[in-house]
Amino acid sequence: MWQEAHTAQTQLAALQTETHGLQHTNDQLSHQVQDLLAKLAQQQDAATAQRVDSQAELRQMAERLAAAQRMASGTAGQAAELEEELIRVKGSHQETVTGQTLAAP
């Protein structure tokens, strides 16, 4: 009977030691998980900030492109107006020259 009690105490002590070791391992793993979660949150924050920066850059590029397109459109319109004016002036000059030539003799 005494030997059974001694064996049970020895087994209990071994189980307590094992339990303590498992609790320590569990604590270490919990800390590692918390560290990994914190790192993941930082990476997600950094990725979000980078995405926001990229979106802002794209928005600025689109605005510059739209402004350039408006300028190009305006320049094309001005060129067409200048061409029409040149044609009108040439025609007027031609009429003047032709009229002077006919009136000269």
N, C-alpha and C. Protein backbone atom coordinates (compact mmCIF):
# COMPACT_ATOMS: atom_id res chain seq x y z
N MET A 1 0.82 -1.18 0.00
CA MET A 1 0.00 0.00 0.00
C MET A 1 0.87 1.26 0.00
N TRP A 2 1.91 1.22 0.84
CA TRP A 2 2.82 2.35 0.91
C TRP A 2 3.51 2.58 -0.42
N GLN A 3 3.87 1.47 -1.07
CA GLN A 3 4.58 1.56 -2.35
C GLN A 3 3.65 2.14 -3.42
N GLU A 4 2.37 1.77 -3.38
CA GLU A 4 1.42 2.32 -4.35
C GLU A 4 1.25 3.82 -4.14
N ALA A 5 1.20 4.24 -2.89
CA ALA A 5 1.07 5.66 -2.58
C ALA A 5 2.32 6.40 -3.05
N HIS A 6 3.47 5.80 -2.83
CA HIS A 6 4.73 6.42 -3.25
C HIS A 6 4.78 6.53 -4.78
N THR A 7 4.34 5.47 -5.47
CA THR A 7 4.31 5.48 -6.94
C THR A 7 3.35 6.55 -7.43
N ALA A 8 2.19 6.66 -6.78
CA ALA A 8 1.20 7.66 -7.17
C ALA A 8 1.76 9.06 -6.96
N GLN A 9 2.48 9.27 -5.85
CA GLN A 9 3.08 10.58 -5.59
C GLN A 9 4.15 10.90 -6.64
N THR A 10 4.93 9.91 -6.99
CA THR A 10 5.97 10.10 -8.01
C THR A 10 5.34 10.46 -9.35
N GLN A 11 4.27 9.72 -9.69
CA GLN A 11 3.57 10.01 -10.95
C GLN A 11 2.94 11.41 -10.92
N LEU A 12 2.37 11.77 -9.76
CA LEU A 12 1.77 13.08 -9.61
C LEU A 12 2.84 14.17 -9.77
N ALA A 13 3.97 13.99 -9.17
CA ALA A 13 5.05 14.96 -9.28
C ALA A 13 5.52 15.07 -10.73
N ALA A 14 5.61 13.95 -11.43
CA ALA A 14 6.01 13.96 -12.83
C ALA A 14 4.98 14.70 -13.68
N LEU A 15 3.70 14.44 -13.41
CA LEU A 15 2.63 15.12 -14.15
C LEU A 15 2.64 16.62 -13.86
N GLN A 16 2.90 17.00 -12.61
CA GLN A 16 2.96 18.41 -12.27
C GLN A 16 4.13 19.09 -12.98
N THR A 17 5.25 18.40 -13.04
CA THR A 17 6.42 18.94 -13.75
C THR A 17 6.10 19.09 -15.23
N GLU A 18 5.47 18.07 -15.80
CA GLU A 18 5.10 18.12 -17.22
C GLU A 18 4.09 19.24 -17.46
N THR A 19 3.12 19.39 -16.55
CA THR A 19 2.12 20.44 -16.67
C THR A 19 2.79 21.81 -16.63
N HIS A 20 3.73 21.98 -15.71
CA HIS A 20 4.44 23.25 -15.61
C HIS A 20 5.21 23.54 -16.91
N GLY A 21 5.86 22.52 -17.45
CA GLY A 21 6.59 22.68 -18.71
C GLY A 21 5.65 23.04 -19.86
N LEU A 22 4.49 22.39 -19.90
CA LEU A 22 3.51 22.69 -20.95
C LEU A 22 2.95 24.10 -20.81
N GLN A 23 2.73 24.53 -19.56
CA GLN A 23 2.25 25.89 -19.35
C GLN A 23 3.29 26.91 -19.81
N HIS A 24 4.56 26.62 -19.52
CA HIS A 24 5.63 27.51 -19.96
C HIS A 24 5.68 27.57 -21.49
N THR A 25 5.59 26.41 -22.13
CA THR A 25 5.58 26.36 -23.60
C THR A 25 4.38 27.12 -24.15
N ASN A 26 3.23 26.93 -23.53
CA ASN A 26 2.01 27.63 -23.95
C ASN A 26 2.18 29.14 -23.82
N ASP A 27 2.79 29.59 -22.72
CA ASP A 27 3.03 31.02 -22.54
C ASP A 27 3.95 31.56 -23.64
N GLN A 28 5.01 30.81 -23.94
CA GLN A 28 5.94 31.24 -25.00
C GLN A 28 5.21 31.33 -26.35
N LEU A 29 4.41 30.33 -26.64
CA LEU A 29 3.67 30.33 -27.91
C LEU A 29 2.67 31.48 -27.96
N SER A 30 2.03 31.77 -26.84
CA SER A 30 1.09 32.89 -26.78
C SER A 30 1.80 34.20 -27.08
N HIS A 31 2.99 34.38 -26.49
CA HIS A 31 3.76 35.60 -26.75
C HIS A 31 4.17 35.68 -28.22
N GLN A 32 4.58 34.55 -28.79
CA GLN A 32 4.96 34.54 -30.21
C GLN A 32 3.77 34.90 -31.10
N VAL A 33 2.61 34.34 -30.77
CA VAL A 33 1.40 34.64 -31.54
C VAL A 33 1.07 36.13 -31.43
N GLN A 34 1.16 36.69 -30.23
CA GLN A 34 0.89 38.12 -30.04
C GLN A 34 1.87 38.98 -30.84
N ASP A 35 3.15 38.59 -30.83
CA ASP A 35 4.16 39.32 -31.61
C ASP A 35 3.85 39.25 -33.10
N LEU A 36 3.49 38.06 -33.57
CA LEU A 36 3.17 37.89 -34.99
C LEU A 36 1.93 38.70 -35.37
N LEU A 37 0.94 38.71 -34.50
CA LEU A 37 -0.27 39.50 -34.78
C LEU A 37 0.06 41.00 -34.83
N ALA A 38 0.93 41.44 -33.93
CA ALA A 38 1.32 42.85 -33.94
C ALA A 38 2.08 43.19 -35.22
N LYS A 39 2.99 42.30 -35.63
CA LYS A 39 3.74 42.53 -36.88
C LYS A 39 2.79 42.54 -38.08
N LEU A 40 1.84 41.64 -38.08
CA LEU A 40 0.86 41.59 -39.17
C LEU A 40 0.06 42.89 -39.24
N ALA A 41 -0.36 43.38 -38.08
CA ALA A 41 -1.11 44.63 -38.04
C ALA A 41 -0.26 45.78 -38.58
N GLN A 42 1.03 45.81 -38.22
CA GLN A 42 1.92 46.86 -38.73
C GLN A 42 2.06 46.76 -40.24
N GLN A 43 2.22 45.53 -40.74
CA GLN A 43 2.36 45.34 -42.18
C GLN A 43 1.09 45.76 -42.91
N GLN A 44 -0.06 45.43 -42.33
CA GLN A 44 -1.32 45.82 -42.94
C GLN A 44 -1.46 47.34 -42.95
N ASP A 45 -1.06 47.98 -41.85
CA ASP A 45 -1.12 49.44 -41.79
C ASP A 45 -0.20 50.05 -42.84
N ALA A 46 1.01 49.49 -42.96
CA ALA A 46 1.96 49.99 -43.95
C ALA A 46 1.43 49.79 -45.37
N ALA A 47 0.83 48.62 -45.61
CA ALA A 47 0.27 48.35 -46.95
C ALA A 47 -0.88 49.30 -47.25
N THR A 48 -1.70 49.56 -46.25
CA THR A 48 -2.82 50.49 -46.44
C THR A 48 -2.30 51.89 -46.73
N ALA A 49 -1.30 52.33 -45.99
CA ALA A 49 -0.71 53.66 -46.22
C ALA A 49 -0.11 53.74 -47.61
N GLN A 50 0.57 52.68 -48.02
CA GLN A 50 1.18 52.67 -49.35
C GLN A 50 0.10 52.71 -50.43
N ARG A 51 -0.99 51.97 -50.21
CA ARG A 51 -2.09 51.96 -51.18
C ARG A 51 -2.71 53.35 -51.27
N VAL A 52 -2.89 54.00 -50.14
CA VAL A 52 -3.46 55.36 -50.13
C VAL A 52 -2.53 56.31 -50.87
N ASP A 53 -1.21 56.18 -50.62
CA ASP A 53 -0.24 57.03 -51.33
C ASP A 53 -0.30 56.77 -52.83
N SER A 54 -0.38 55.50 -53.21
CA SER A 54 -0.44 55.15 -54.63
C SER A 54 -1.70 55.70 -55.27
N GLN A 55 -2.81 55.62 -54.55
CA GLN A 55 -4.07 56.15 -55.08
C GLN A 55 -3.98 57.66 -55.25
N ALA A 56 -3.34 58.33 -54.30
CA ALA A 56 -3.18 59.79 -54.41
C ALA A 56 -2.30 60.14 -55.61
N GLU A 57 -1.23 59.37 -55.81
CA GLU A 57 -0.35 59.61 -56.96
C GLU A 57 -1.11 59.39 -58.26
N LEU A 58 -1.90 58.33 -58.32
CA LEU A 58 -2.68 58.06 -59.53
C LEU A 58 -3.69 59.17 -59.79
N ARG A 59 -4.31 59.66 -58.73
CA ARG A 59 -5.28 60.75 -58.86
C ARG A 59 -4.58 62.00 -59.40
N GLN A 60 -3.40 62.31 -58.88
CA GLN A 60 -2.65 63.48 -59.36
C GLN A 60 -2.26 63.30 -60.82
N MET A 61 -1.82 62.10 -61.18
CA MET A 61 -1.45 61.84 -62.57
C MET A 61 -2.65 62.01 -63.48
N ALA A 62 -3.80 61.51 -63.05
CA ALA A 62 -5.03 61.64 -63.85
C ALA A 62 -5.41 63.11 -64.01
N GLU A 63 -5.26 63.89 -62.95
CA GLU A 63 -5.57 65.32 -63.03
C GLU A 63 -4.62 66.02 -63.99
N ARG A 64 -3.32 65.68 -63.93
CA ARG A 64 -2.35 66.29 -64.85
C ARG A 64 -2.64 65.89 -66.29
N LEU A 65 -3.01 64.63 -66.49
CA LEU A 65 -3.34 64.16 -67.83
C LEU A 65 -4.57 64.90 -68.37
N ALA A 66 -5.58 65.05 -67.52
CA ALA A 66 -6.79 65.77 -67.95
C ALA A 66 -6.46 67.22 -68.29
N ALA A 67 -5.60 67.85 -67.50
CA ALA A 67 -5.20 69.23 -67.79
C ALA A 67 -4.44 69.29 -69.11
N ALA A 68 -3.55 68.33 -69.34
CA ALA A 68 -2.80 68.29 -70.60
C ALA A 68 -3.73 68.08 -71.78
N GLN A 69 -4.74 67.23 -71.59
CA GLN A 69 -5.71 67.00 -72.67
C GLN A 69 -6.51 68.27 -72.96
N ARG A 70 -6.89 68.99 -71.89
CA ARG A 70 -7.62 70.25 -72.09
C ARG A 70 -6.75 71.26 -72.84
N MET A 71 -5.47 71.31 -72.45
CA MET A 71 -4.56 72.23 -73.14
C MET A 71 -4.40 71.84 -74.60
N ALA A 72 -4.24 70.54 -74.85
CA ALA A 72 -4.08 70.07 -76.23
C ALA A 72 -5.33 70.37 -77.04
N SER A 73 -6.49 70.17 -76.43
CA SER A 73 -7.74 70.45 -77.12
C SER A 73 -7.85 71.94 -77.43
N GLY A 74 -7.49 72.76 -76.44
CA GLY A 74 -7.53 74.20 -76.66
C GLY A 74 -6.55 74.63 -77.73
N THR A 75 -5.36 74.03 -77.72
CA THR A 75 -4.35 74.36 -78.73
C THR A 75 -4.83 73.95 -80.11
N ALA A 76 -5.45 72.78 -80.19
CA ALA A 76 -5.98 72.32 -81.49
C ALA A 76 -7.07 73.27 -81.97
N GLY A 77 -7.91 73.73 -81.05
CA GLY A 77 -8.97 74.68 -81.41
C GLY A 77 -8.38 76.00 -81.88
N GLN A 78 -7.35 76.47 -81.19
CA GLN A 78 -6.69 77.71 -81.60
C GLN A 78 -6.03 77.56 -82.96
N ALA A 79 -5.42 76.40 -83.18
CA ALA A 79 -4.77 76.15 -84.47
C ALA A 79 -5.80 76.18 -85.60
N ALA A 80 -6.95 75.58 -85.35
CA ALA A 80 -8.01 75.57 -86.37
C ALA A 80 -8.49 77.00 -86.63
N GLU A 81 -8.65 77.79 -85.57
CA GLU A 81 -9.08 79.18 -85.73
C GLU A 81 -8.03 79.98 -86.51
N LEU A 82 -6.75 79.76 -86.17
CA LEU A 82 -5.68 80.47 -86.88
C LEU A 82 -5.64 80.08 -88.36
N GLU A 83 -5.86 78.79 -88.61
CA GLU A 83 -5.86 78.33 -90.00
C GLU A 83 -7.01 78.97 -90.77
N GLU A 84 -8.18 79.04 -90.15
CA GLU A 84 -9.33 79.68 -90.80
C GLU A 84 -9.04 81.16 -91.06
N GLU A 85 -8.42 81.83 -90.08
CA GLU A 85 -8.08 83.25 -90.24
C GLU A 85 -7.06 83.43 -91.37
N LEU A 86 -6.08 82.53 -91.43
CA LEU A 86 -5.07 82.59 -92.48
C LEU A 86 -5.71 82.43 -93.85
N ILE A 87 -6.63 81.47 -93.96
CA ILE A 87 -7.32 81.26 -95.24
C ILE A 87 -8.12 82.50 -95.60
N ARG A 88 -8.80 83.10 -94.61
CA ARG A 88 -9.59 84.30 -94.87
C ARG A 88 -8.69 85.46 -95.31
N VAL A 89 -7.55 85.63 -94.62
CA VAL A 89 -6.63 86.71 -94.97
C VAL A 89 -6.04 86.49 -96.36
N LYS A 90 -5.65 85.25 -96.66
CA LYS A 90 -5.11 84.94 -97.99
C LYS A 90 -6.15 85.24 -99.07
N GLY A 91 -7.38 84.83 -98.79
CA GLY A 91 -8.46 85.08 -99.75
C GLY A 91 -8.68 86.57 -99.94
N SER A 92 -8.67 87.31 -98.85
CA SER A 92 -8.86 88.76 -98.92
C SER A 92 -7.70 89.41 -99.66
N HIS A 93 -6.49 88.95 -99.38
CA HIS A 93 -5.31 89.48 -100.06
C HIS A 93 -5.37 89.17 -101.55
N GLN A 94 -5.78 87.96 -101.86
CA GLN A 94 -5.88 87.55 -103.27
C GLN A 94 -6.90 88.42 -104.00
N GLU A 95 -8.03 88.68 -103.34
CA GLU A 95 -9.05 89.53 -103.96
C GLU A 95 -8.51 90.94 -104.18
N THR A 96 -7.75 91.42 -103.19
CA THR A 96 -7.18 92.76 -103.31
C THR A 96 -6.18 92.82 -104.46
N VAL A 97 -5.31 91.83 -104.52
CA VAL A 97 -4.30 91.79 -105.60
C VAL A 97 -4.99 91.63 -106.94
N THR A 98 -5.95 90.76 -107.03
CA THR A 98 -6.66 90.54 -108.28
C THR A 98 -7.43 91.79 -108.68
N GLY A 99 -8.06 92.44 -107.71
CA GLY A 99 -8.80 93.67 -107.98
C GLY A 99 -7.88 94.78 -108.45
N GLN A 100 -6.71 94.87 -107.84
CA GLN A 100 -5.75 95.90 -108.25
C GLN A 100 -5.22 95.63 -109.64
N THR A 101 -5.00 94.36 -109.94
CA THR A 101 -4.48 93.99 -111.25
C THR A 101 -5.51 94.32 -112.32
N LEU A 102 -6.76 94.02 -112.04
CA LEU A 102 -7.81 94.29 -113.01
C LEU A 102 -8.05 95.79 -113.16
N ALA A 103 -7.92 96.53 -112.08
CA ALA A 103 -8.18 97.97 -112.12
C ALA A 103 -6.99 98.75 -112.68
N ALA A 104 -5.80 98.19 -112.66
CA ALA A 104 -4.59 98.89 -113.08
C ALA A 104 -4.57 99.28 -114.55
N PRO A 105 -4.98 98.48 -115.48
CA PRO A 105 -4.82 98.91 -116.89
C PRO A 105 -5.72 100.00 -117.23
